[in-house]
Amino acid sequence: MVDPAAREVTARPTPTGAGPSAERRRPLRFGAVAPVVDDLASWHDQLRRLADTGYSTVLMPDVPGWQPAPGPTLAVAATLTGLRVGTWVYAAPVRPAWITAWEAHSLSVLTGGRFEMGIGTGRPGIADLLRELDLPDVPVSRRAEQVREVIIALRDLDGPDLHTPVAMAVGGPKARALAAEHADIVNFVMPQTETRADTARRVTGFGNPRGAELALHVPVIGDAVAPFMAGPDVDTAAVRAADSLAYLPADPAAAAEEIRRRRDELGFSYVVVGAGAAETLAPAVAELAGT
């Protein structure tokens, strides 16, 4: 049985572009990238705090060697908290399409519809990882097609009675076209120093023909950079100077004002941050979640 929250995320509203009207804009929700980096007891406590402070979704990266595999980790997280769970994001080249789709479908079934499959073509340096794992180095021109194969296999496994929401990390024109066709949630991959104006042009140019939920990946909160969401060499001063959407102020009131602005001007309603910043932003999340 799919819970009401799952139906809410899966529903497809009337298509809108940037700057949705008050009648059409989505309620705000918040996700946290929360891999297991310490002992399990500390991770369990972290998940419970996320649930208590209004976050909707626990998210896992997909980098072998960094943390336990996302599938079983998310199954545990869903059981502990009752929150939604998702990958942020599966790297399509790392495993066969059907295996990724099977795991995603299984997580949807086992969580009662609380799983979101985030998928993309892989982090920068994915070719090096593929060589380390003795996997084929897929040409860049082929990687978007790998993502399509996963989504098609997932839809076949879901059948007519289940719709696993698909979150796509998109950058280039091929990925944007694929997202326009298949994605329920769209995250625009951006250099951390891309200006607000440049990001706005990309979002507006996307057009959002199917009314997908727009997600914002925010790795920099104040002077802190979230592990797993950006590299350790990020220049936080440069990110702020660019007026980048990869940044939010650490002050909860200022962050809340900025999050509202991004939803009102560009349509971003799903904000994803690192778990380390979750408590910093907790007052803003408590104020804004669901509004």
Protein backbone atom coordinates (compact mmCIF):
# COMPACT_ATOMS: atom_id res chain seq x y z
CA MET A 1 0.00 0.00 0.00
CA VAL A 2 1.39 3.40 -1.04
CA ASP A 3 1.29 6.06 1.64
CA PRO A 4 -0.29 9.50 1.01
CA ALA A 5 3.11 11.21 0.90
CA ALA A 6 4.17 8.90 -1.93
CA ARG A 7 1.08 9.83 -3.93
CA GLU A 8 1.82 13.50 -3.32
CA VAL A 9 5.34 13.24 -4.77
CA THR A 10 4.32 11.01 -7.65
CA ALA A 11 1.41 13.17 -8.78
CA ARG A 12 2.06 15.18 -11.93
CA PRO A 13 0.69 18.72 -11.73
CA THR A 14 -0.19 20.98 -14.62
CA PRO A 15 3.07 21.71 -16.47
CA THR A 16 4.67 24.99 -15.47
CA GLY A 17 7.82 26.89 -16.28
CA ALA A 18 9.95 28.98 -13.98
CA GLY A 19 8.23 31.28 -11.52
CA PRO A 20 5.05 29.27 -10.79
CA SER A 21 1.92 31.08 -9.74
CA ALA A 22 0.73 30.69 -6.14
CA GLU A 23 -2.01 28.37 -7.37
CA ARG A 24 0.40 26.02 -9.13
CA ARG A 25 3.55 26.07 -7.04
CA ARG A 26 4.48 22.92 -5.15
CA PRO A 27 4.80 22.73 -1.36
CA LEU A 28 8.39 22.92 -0.15
CA ARG A 29 10.13 19.80 1.06
CA PHE A 30 13.65 18.99 2.18
CA GLY A 31 16.04 16.07 1.75
CA ALA A 32 19.35 15.29 3.44
CA VAL A 33 22.25 13.29 1.99
CA ALA A 34 23.02 11.10 5.02
CA PRO A 35 25.46 8.25 4.32
CA VAL A 36 26.88 6.08 7.09
CA VAL A 37 30.19 7.75 7.96
CA ASP A 38 30.48 6.96 11.69
CA ASP A 39 29.16 4.15 13.87
CA LEU A 40 25.65 2.84 13.25
CA ALA A 41 24.26 4.18 16.52
CA SER A 42 25.28 7.74 15.55
CA TRP A 43 23.74 7.29 12.10
CA HIS A 44 20.48 6.01 13.61
CA ASP A 45 20.35 9.08 15.87
CA GLN A 46 21.00 11.34 12.90
CA LEU A 47 18.11 9.80 10.96
CA ARG A 48 15.72 10.25 13.88
CA ARG A 49 16.72 13.91 14.20
CA LEU A 50 16.02 14.42 10.50
CA ALA A 51 12.55 12.97 10.97
CA ASP A 52 11.92 15.09 14.06
CA THR A 53 12.94 18.35 12.38
CA GLY A 54 10.75 18.13 9.29
CA TYR A 55 12.97 16.63 6.59
CA SER A 56 11.02 14.49 4.15
CA THR A 57 13.73 12.36 2.58
CA VAL A 58 16.95 10.51 3.47
CA LEU A 59 19.26 10.28 0.47
CA MET A 60 22.31 8.13 -0.30
CA PRO A 61 25.19 8.68 -2.73
CA ASP A 62 26.35 5.86 -4.98
CA VAL A 63 30.14 5.69 -4.81
CA PRO A 64 31.64 2.26 -4.04
CA GLY A 65 34.08 2.42 -1.15
CA TRP A 66 32.64 5.60 0.38
CA GLN A 67 29.76 4.06 2.30
CA PRO A 68 27.64 0.88 2.38
CA ALA A 69 25.69 0.15 -0.80
CA PRO A 70 22.68 2.46 -1.18
CA GLY A 71 19.98 -0.22 -1.52
CA PRO A 72 20.28 -2.00 1.84
CA THR A 73 21.22 1.26 3.60
CA LEU A 74 18.06 2.96 2.42
CA ALA A 75 15.94 -0.05 3.38
CA VAL A 76 17.25 0.28 6.94
CA ALA A 77 16.68 4.05 6.93
CA ALA A 78 13.08 3.62 5.78
CA THR A 79 12.41 1.10 8.54
CA LEU A 80 13.96 3.27 11.26
CA THR A 81 12.15 6.52 10.48
CA GLY A 82 9.19 6.18 8.16
CA LEU A 83 10.72 8.95 6.00
CA ARG A 84 10.94 8.81 2.24
CA VAL A 85 14.28 7.51 0.96
CA GLY A 86 16.17 7.91 -2.28
CA THR A 87 19.43 7.66 -4.16
CA TRP A 88 21.32 10.91 -4.81
CA VAL A 89 22.14 9.53 -7.29
CA TYR A 90 22.67 6.11 -8.84
CA ALA A 91 25.55 6.22 -11.33
CA ALA A 92 24.14 4.49 -14.40
CA PRO A 93 27.51 3.21 -15.75
CA VAL A 94 28.38 1.33 -12.54
CA ARG A 95 25.94 -1.58 -12.92
CA PRO A 96 23.74 -3.18 -15.60
CA ALA A 97 20.49 -1.30 -16.21
CA TRP A 98 18.24 -4.16 -15.17
CA ILE A 99 20.07 -4.64 -11.84
CA THR A 100 19.66 -0.96 -10.95
CA ALA A 101 16.01 -1.03 -11.95
CA TRP A 102 15.36 -4.22 -9.97
CA GLU A 103 16.88 -2.72 -6.82
CA ALA A 104 14.89 0.49 -7.27
CA HIS A 105 11.63 -1.37 -7.85
CA SER A 106 12.31 -3.59 -4.84
CA LEU A 107 12.89 -0.54 -2.62
CA SER A 108 9.59 0.94 -3.81
CA VAL A 109 7.76 -2.25 -2.91
CA LEU A 110 9.49 -2.76 0.44
CA THR A 111 8.98 0.87 1.56
CA GLY A 112 5.33 1.06 0.53
CA GLY A 113 6.08 3.58 -2.20
CA ARG A 114 8.46 5.80 -0.21
CA PHE A 115 11.47 5.36 -2.50
CA GLU A 116 12.67 7.85 -5.14
CA MET A 117 15.19 6.66 -7.71
CA GLY A 118 17.74 9.39 -8.31
CA ILE A 119 19.89 8.59 -11.32
CA GLY A 120 22.51 10.26 -13.46
CA THR A 121 25.54 9.58 -15.63
CA GLY A 122 28.01 9.63 -12.73
CA ARG A 123 30.13 12.08 -10.77
CA PRO A 124 33.13 13.85 -12.31
CA GLY A 125 35.88 11.28 -12.58
CA ILE A 126 33.48 8.41 -13.23
CA ALA A 127 35.86 7.04 -15.89
CA ASP A 128 38.55 6.58 -13.22
CA LEU A 129 36.09 4.75 -10.98
CA LEU A 130 35.05 2.43 -13.80
CA ARG A 131 38.69 1.52 -14.42
CA GLU A 132 39.21 0.85 -10.70
CA LEU A 133 36.20 -1.49 -10.71
CA ASP A 134 37.37 -3.17 -13.95
CA LEU A 135 34.18 -2.04 -15.70
CA PRO A 136 33.87 -0.81 -19.29
CA ASP A 137 34.63 2.90 -19.74
CA VAL A 138 31.43 4.01 -21.42
CA PRO A 139 31.81 6.94 -23.85
CA VAL A 140 30.21 10.18 -22.66
CA SER A 141 27.92 10.11 -25.71
CA ARG A 142 26.45 6.77 -24.53
CA ARG A 143 25.83 7.58 -20.86
CA ALA A 144 22.47 9.32 -21.26
CA GLU A 145 21.23 6.23 -23.10
CA GLN A 146 22.28 4.11 -20.12
CA VAL A 147 20.07 6.27 -17.89
CA ARG A 148 17.17 5.80 -20.31
CA GLU A 149 17.64 2.01 -20.20
CA VAL A 150 17.41 2.01 -16.39
CA ILE A 151 14.22 4.08 -16.41
CA ILE A 152 12.55 1.92 -19.06
CA ALA A 153 13.45 -1.25 -17.14
CA LEU A 154 12.07 0.29 -13.94
CA ARG A 155 8.77 1.19 -15.59
CA ASP A 156 8.48 -2.37 -16.90
CA LEU A 157 9.07 -3.79 -13.41
CA ASP A 158 6.68 -1.32 -11.75
CA GLY A 159 3.88 -2.26 -14.13
CA PRO A 160 0.54 -0.45 -14.06
CA ASP A 161 0.08 -0.41 -10.28
CA LEU A 162 3.29 1.27 -9.08
CA HIS A 163 5.09 4.41 -10.19
CA THR A 164 8.53 4.85 -8.63
CA PRO A 165 9.39 8.57 -8.85
CA VAL A 166 12.52 9.15 -10.92
CA ALA A 167 14.84 12.03 -9.98
CA MET A 168 17.31 12.91 -12.72
CA ALA A 169 20.54 14.85 -12.32
CA VAL A 170 20.81 16.78 -15.59
CA GLY A 171 23.50 18.89 -17.18
CA GLY A 172 23.86 18.79 -20.95
CA PRO A 173 21.19 18.86 -23.67
CA LYS A 174 20.85 15.06 -23.91
CA ALA A 175 20.18 14.73 -20.19
CA ARG A 176 17.72 17.64 -20.23
CA ALA A 177 15.81 16.10 -23.14
CA LEU A 178 15.68 12.75 -21.35
CA ALA A 179 14.45 14.42 -18.16
CA ALA A 180 11.74 16.27 -20.07
CA GLU A 181 10.52 12.89 -21.30
CA HIS A 182 10.86 10.73 -18.17
CA ALA A 183 11.71 12.53 -14.92
CA ASP A 184 9.36 13.21 -12.03
CA ILE A 185 12.04 15.26 -10.23
CA VAL A 186 14.77 17.27 -11.98
CA ASN A 187 18.02 18.39 -10.35
CA PHE A 188 20.09 20.79 -12.46
CA VAL A 189 23.77 19.92 -12.10
CA MET A 190 25.72 23.17 -11.80
CA PRO A 191 29.29 24.24 -11.20
CA GLN A 192 29.37 25.64 -7.67
CA THR A 193 30.39 29.06 -9.01
CA GLU A 194 27.71 29.26 -11.71
CA THR A 195 25.87 32.54 -11.24
CA ARG A 196 22.20 32.75 -10.31
CA ALA A 197 21.49 34.35 -13.67
CA ASP A 198 23.13 31.51 -15.62
CA THR A 199 21.28 28.87 -13.61
CA ALA A 200 18.02 30.75 -14.13
CA ARG A 201 18.57 30.74 -17.88
CA ARG A 202 19.05 26.96 -17.88
CA VAL A 203 15.99 26.35 -15.73
CA THR A 204 13.80 28.65 -17.81
CA GLY A 205 15.11 27.10 -21.00
CA PHE A 206 14.16 23.63 -19.77
CA GLY A 207 10.50 24.61 -19.90
CA ASN A 208 9.42 21.68 -17.72
CA PRO A 209 6.85 20.28 -20.17
CA ARG A 210 5.58 17.52 -17.82
CA GLY A 211 5.49 19.62 -14.66
CA ALA A 212 8.32 17.78 -12.90
CA GLU A 213 9.30 18.77 -9.38
CA LEU A 214 12.45 20.92 -9.47
CA ALA A 215 15.14 20.01 -6.96
CA LEU A 216 18.05 22.11 -5.77
CA HIS A 217 21.32 20.46 -4.67
CA VAL A 218 22.90 22.83 -2.09
CA PRO A 219 26.34 21.67 -0.92
CA VAL A 220 27.47 24.91 0.76
CA ILE A 221 25.73 26.19 3.90
CA GLY A 222 27.49 29.23 5.33
CA ASP A 223 31.17 28.31 5.34
CA ALA A 224 30.56 24.55 5.51
CA VAL A 225 30.79 22.22 2.51
CA ALA A 226 28.83 18.97 2.66
CA PRO A 227 30.90 15.81 2.15
CA PHE A 228 29.57 13.61 -0.67
CA MET A 229 27.91 16.66 -2.30
CA ALA A 230 31.01 18.62 -3.36
CA GLY A 231 34.77 18.27 -3.33
CA PRO A 232 36.87 19.41 -0.36
CA ASP A 233 38.57 22.14 -2.42
CA VAL A 234 35.41 24.21 -2.93
CA ASP A 235 36.09 27.93 -2.41
CA THR A 236 33.07 28.97 -0.34
CA ALA A 237 33.87 32.66 -0.75
CA ALA A 238 33.81 32.27 -4.54
CA VAL A 239 30.50 30.41 -4.34
CA ARG A 240 28.96 33.25 -2.33
CA ALA A 241 30.48 35.90 -4.59
CA ALA A 242 28.89 34.27 -7.65
CA ASP A 243 25.45 34.47 -6.01
CA SER A 244 25.33 30.76 -6.74
CA LEU A 245 22.29 28.62 -6.00
CA ALA A 246 24.75 26.06 -4.60
CA TYR A 247 24.88 28.25 -1.47
CA LEU A 248 22.51 29.03 1.39
CA PRO A 249 23.26 31.22 4.39
CA ALA A 250 23.69 29.47 7.74
CA ASP A 251 21.27 31.89 9.39
CA PRO A 252 17.89 30.06 9.34
CA ALA A 253 15.83 33.22 8.80
CA ALA A 254 17.98 34.33 5.86
CA ALA A 255 17.96 30.79 4.46
CA ALA A 256 14.16 30.61 4.70
CA GLU A 257 13.81 33.90 2.82
CA GLU A 258 16.18 32.71 0.09
CA ILE A 259 14.44 29.32 -0.26
CA ARG A 260 11.09 31.08 -0.73
CA ARG A 261 12.65 33.33 -3.35
CA ARG A 262 14.02 30.37 -5.30
CA ARG A 263 10.64 28.63 -5.28
CA ASP A 264 8.76 31.80 -6.26
CA GLU A 265 11.17 32.92 -9.00
CA LEU A 266 12.35 29.59 -10.46
CA GLY A 267 10.05 26.86 -9.17
CA PHE A 268 12.52 25.00 -6.94
CA SER A 269 10.43 23.24 -4.28
CA TYR A 270 12.70 20.37 -3.20
CA VAL A 271 15.89 21.44 -1.38
CA VAL A 272 18.64 18.87 -0.75
CA VAL A 273 21.46 19.55 1.72
CA GLY A 274 24.10 17.54 3.52
CA ALA A 275 23.10 15.88 6.78
CA GLY A 276 25.82 17.81 8.59
CA ALA A 277 23.95 21.06 7.89
CA ALA A 278 20.53 19.64 8.68
CA GLU A 279 20.43 20.90 12.26
CA THR A 280 21.72 24.34 11.21
CA LEU A 281 18.77 24.70 8.84
CA ALA A 282 16.26 22.90 11.08
CA PRO A 283 14.38 26.10 12.10
CA ALA A 284 13.95 27.04 8.43
CA VAL A 285 12.81 23.52 7.56
CA ALA A 286 10.30 23.50 10.41
CA GLU A 287 8.91 26.82 9.20
CA LEU A 288 8.76 26.01 5.49
CA ALA A 289 8.12 22.26 5.05
CA GLY A 290 4.75 21.69 3.45
CA THR A 291 4.06 25.38 2.76
